[in-house]
């Protein structure tokens, strides 16, 4: 399974490890993902999502139903 947030579409970025001698080697900046269950009272169902922690902040701010609805419109969530 890929490391992609199901609500925001965030994925790993690629960059460089830079040593003190300025040697550069490739590395990955992975997304901080959490697997979490949410209850959506409007649909009367539980939903298990792999979300980044910044999406959790959005859920706390806007509510789960609004964030899921927005993700479905953008095409990130197919459920």
Protein backbone atom coordinates (compact mmCIF):
# COMPACT_ATOMS: atom_id res chain seq x y z
CA UNK A 1 0.00 0.00 0.00
CA UNK A 2 1.34 3.41 -0.93
CA UNK A 3 2.03 6.15 1.59
CA UNK A 4 -0.60 8.63 0.43
CA UNK A 5 -3.11 10.54 2.53
CA UNK A 6 -6.62 9.54 1.45
CA UNK A 7 -8.12 12.95 2.25
CA UNK A 8 -5.52 15.44 1.04
CA UNK A 9 -3.54 13.41 -1.50
CA UNK A 10 -0.22 14.22 0.18
CA UNK A 11 2.58 11.82 -0.74
CA UNK A 12 6.31 11.38 -0.13
CA UNK A 13 8.67 14.07 -1.42
CA UNK A 14 12.22 13.47 -2.69
CA UNK A 15 15.21 15.49 -1.55
CA UNK A 16 18.84 15.25 -0.54
CA UNK A 17 20.73 14.25 2.58
CA UNK A 18 23.46 16.85 2.86
CA UNK A 19 26.55 16.00 4.90
CA UNK A 20 28.87 18.47 6.59
CA UNK A 21 31.18 18.09 3.59
CA UNK A 22 28.22 19.00 1.32
CA UNK A 23 27.98 15.48 -0.16
CA UNK A 24 24.45 14.88 -1.41
CA UNK A 25 22.59 11.57 -1.47
CA UNK A 26 18.94 11.05 -2.33
CA UNK A 27 16.37 10.54 0.43
CA UNK A 28 12.61 10.51 0.94
CA UNK A 29 10.52 12.77 3.10
CA UNK A 30 7.59 10.53 4.03
CA UNK A 31 4.19 11.83 5.07
CA UNK A 32 3.20 11.46 8.73
CA UNK A 33 0.34 8.96 8.23
CA UNK A 34 -2.05 7.55 10.82
CA UNK A 35 -4.65 4.83 10.28
CA UNK A 36 -7.85 5.98 11.99
CA UNK A 37 -11.54 5.08 12.19
CA UNK A 38 -14.12 7.86 11.96
CA UNK A 39 -17.86 7.73 12.57
CA UNK A 40 -19.94 9.78 10.15
CA UNK A 41 -23.37 10.36 11.75
CA UNK A 42 -24.88 11.83 8.55
CA UNK A 43 -24.25 8.54 6.73
CA UNK A 44 -24.54 6.37 9.88
CA UNK A 45 -21.34 4.46 9.09
CA UNK A 46 -17.75 3.97 10.24
CA UNK A 47 -14.95 4.86 7.84
CA UNK A 48 -11.33 3.69 8.19
CA UNK A 49 -8.87 6.06 6.56
CA UNK A 50 -5.12 6.46 6.28
CA UNK A 51 -4.71 10.20 6.86
CA UNK A 52 -1.84 12.58 7.50
CA UNK A 53 -1.78 14.44 10.79
CA UNK A 54 -2.45 17.77 9.06
CA UNK A 55 -5.71 16.24 7.78
CA UNK A 56 -6.57 15.34 11.38
CA UNK A 57 -6.23 19.03 12.24
CA UNK A 58 -8.63 19.86 9.38
CA UNK A 59 -11.10 17.26 10.68
CA UNK A 60 -10.97 18.78 14.16
CA UNK A 61 -11.55 22.23 12.67
CA UNK A 62 -14.20 21.57 9.97
CA UNK A 63 -15.70 18.21 10.96
CA UNK A 64 -15.35 14.79 9.36
CA UNK A 65 -18.37 15.07 7.07
CA UNK A 66 -17.20 18.33 5.46
CA UNK A 67 -13.64 17.05 4.93
CA UNK A 68 -14.81 13.73 3.42
CA UNK A 69 -17.25 15.55 1.14
CA UNK A 70 -14.46 17.85 -0.05
CA UNK A 71 -12.10 14.90 -0.65
CA UNK A 72 -14.75 13.11 -2.72
CA UNK A 73 -15.21 16.21 -4.90
CA UNK A 74 -11.46 16.44 -5.51
CA UNK A 75 -11.32 12.72 -6.37
CA UNK A 76 -9.07 11.58 -3.50
CA UNK A 77 -11.72 9.40 -1.83
CA UNK A 78 -13.85 6.90 -3.79
CA UNK A 79 -16.01 5.57 -0.96
